[in-house]
Amino acid sequence: MAYVSQAGTPINLTSSAIVSKAGGALIGYHVNSTAAGTIVFRVGSAGTSSGTAVSGTITPSVGFNAFPMEAPGGCHATIGGTLDVTFFIAAG
């Protein structure tokens, strides 16, 4: 039986920003703390806020949240409210 590891580079954010400029895959994210925090994921445009929204507004719970998603043109997270979150990105 082969060993399979699902791991990615951690990127911590507390405000809207590029998660990854290059293509890759989002494995998920870990919410460290939140006070009515929200996330909207966007892809394309080298991970800028002008990319295409690929999620609605997510109100995440504290802890790890799986969100397997391909982001061939980069990934951006638009963060609202108060949110400390670490994203896990696998290079593409």
Protein backbone atom coordinates (compact mmCIF):
# COMPACT_ATOMS: atom_id res chain seq x y z
CA MET A 1 0.00 0.00 0.00
CA ALA A 2 1.38 3.41 -0.97
CA TYR A 3 1.75 6.21 1.53
CA VAL A 4 -0.16 9.35 0.55
CA SER A 5 0.53 12.67 2.24
CA GLN A 6 -1.81 15.61 1.94
CA ALA A 7 0.30 18.59 2.93
CA GLY A 8 0.67 22.17 1.84
CA THR A 9 2.48 25.41 2.53
CA PRO A 10 0.86 27.38 5.38
CA ILE A 11 -0.13 31.00 4.64
CA ASN A 12 -1.50 32.98 7.61
CA LEU A 13 -3.79 35.98 6.98
CA THR A 14 -5.85 38.36 9.10
CA SER A 15 -7.10 40.56 6.25
CA SER A 16 -7.88 40.26 2.53
CA ALA A 17 -4.81 39.25 0.52
CA ILE A 18 -3.31 36.96 -2.08
CA VAL A 19 -3.05 33.39 -0.82
CA SER A 20 -1.05 32.25 -3.86
CA LYS A 21 0.06 34.09 -7.04
CA ALA A 22 0.94 30.85 -8.81
CA GLY A 23 -1.35 28.00 -9.75
CA GLY A 24 -1.90 25.24 -7.24
CA ALA A 25 -4.52 23.67 -5.04
CA LEU A 26 -6.07 24.81 -1.81
CA ILE A 27 -6.28 21.86 0.58
CA GLY A 28 -8.18 23.70 3.28
CA TYR A 29 -7.79 26.29 6.00
CA HIS A 30 -7.49 26.42 9.78
CA VAL A 31 -9.39 29.17 11.58
CA ASN A 32 -7.29 30.19 14.57
CA SER A 33 -9.83 32.73 15.87
CA THR A 34 -12.87 34.60 14.60
CA ALA A 35 -15.43 37.19 15.63
CA ALA A 36 -18.06 37.12 12.87
CA GLY A 37 -15.29 36.59 10.29
CA THR A 38 -16.08 35.67 6.67
CA ILE A 39 -14.14 34.46 3.61
CA VAL A 40 -14.81 34.64 -0.14
CA PHE A 41 -12.39 32.74 -2.41
CA ARG A 42 -11.39 34.12 -5.82
CA VAL A 43 -9.24 32.48 -8.51
CA GLY A 44 -7.36 33.78 -11.55
CA SER A 45 -5.71 37.16 -12.17
CA ALA A 46 -2.53 35.97 -10.37
CA GLY A 47 -4.49 35.68 -7.14
CA THR A 48 -5.68 39.29 -7.04
CA SER A 49 -9.02 40.54 -5.76
CA SER A 50 -10.20 40.98 -9.37
CA GLY A 51 -10.29 37.20 -9.86
CA THR A 52 -13.50 35.22 -10.28
CA ALA A 53 -15.39 34.43 -7.06
CA VAL A 54 -15.65 30.65 -6.67
CA SER A 55 -17.43 30.59 -3.33
CA GLY A 56 -20.21 32.44 -1.66
CA THR A 57 -19.58 34.19 1.63
CA ILE A 58 -18.35 31.55 4.07
CA THR A 59 -18.71 32.03 7.84
CA PRO A 60 -16.13 29.46 8.99
CA SER A 61 -15.93 27.66 12.30
CA VAL A 62 -12.79 27.57 14.44
CA GLY A 63 -10.55 24.63 13.57
CA PHE A 64 -9.64 22.93 10.29
CA ASN A 65 -12.04 23.25 7.37
CA ALA A 66 -11.41 21.14 4.27
CA PHE A 67 -11.87 23.09 1.02
CA PRO A 68 -10.22 21.15 -1.81
CA MET A 69 -10.06 23.51 -4.77
CA GLU A 70 -7.88 23.90 -7.86
CA ALA A 71 -6.62 27.45 -8.36
CA PRO A 72 -4.79 27.38 -11.71
CA GLY A 73 -4.38 31.16 -11.89
CA GLY A 74 -3.69 31.89 -8.22
CA CYS A 75 -5.96 32.30 -5.21
CA HIS A 76 -7.18 35.34 -3.25
CA ALA A 77 -9.10 35.41 0.04
CA THR A 78 -11.43 38.32 0.71
CA ILE A 79 -11.75 38.44 4.50
CA GLY A 80 -14.47 40.30 6.36
CA GLY A 81 -14.99 40.81 10.07
CA THR A 82 -12.27 39.62 12.43
CA LEU A 83 -10.58 36.44 11.27
CA ASP A 84 -7.17 34.85 11.86
CA VAL A 85 -6.85 32.01 9.36
CA THR A 86 -4.08 29.79 7.99
CA PHE A 87 -4.51 28.45 4.45
CA PHE A 88 -2.75 25.31 3.18
CA ILE A 89 -1.70 25.48 -0.49
CA ALA A 90 -0.13 22.68 -2.54
CA ALA A 91 2.00 23.88 -5.46
CA GLY A 92 0.67 23.03 -8.89
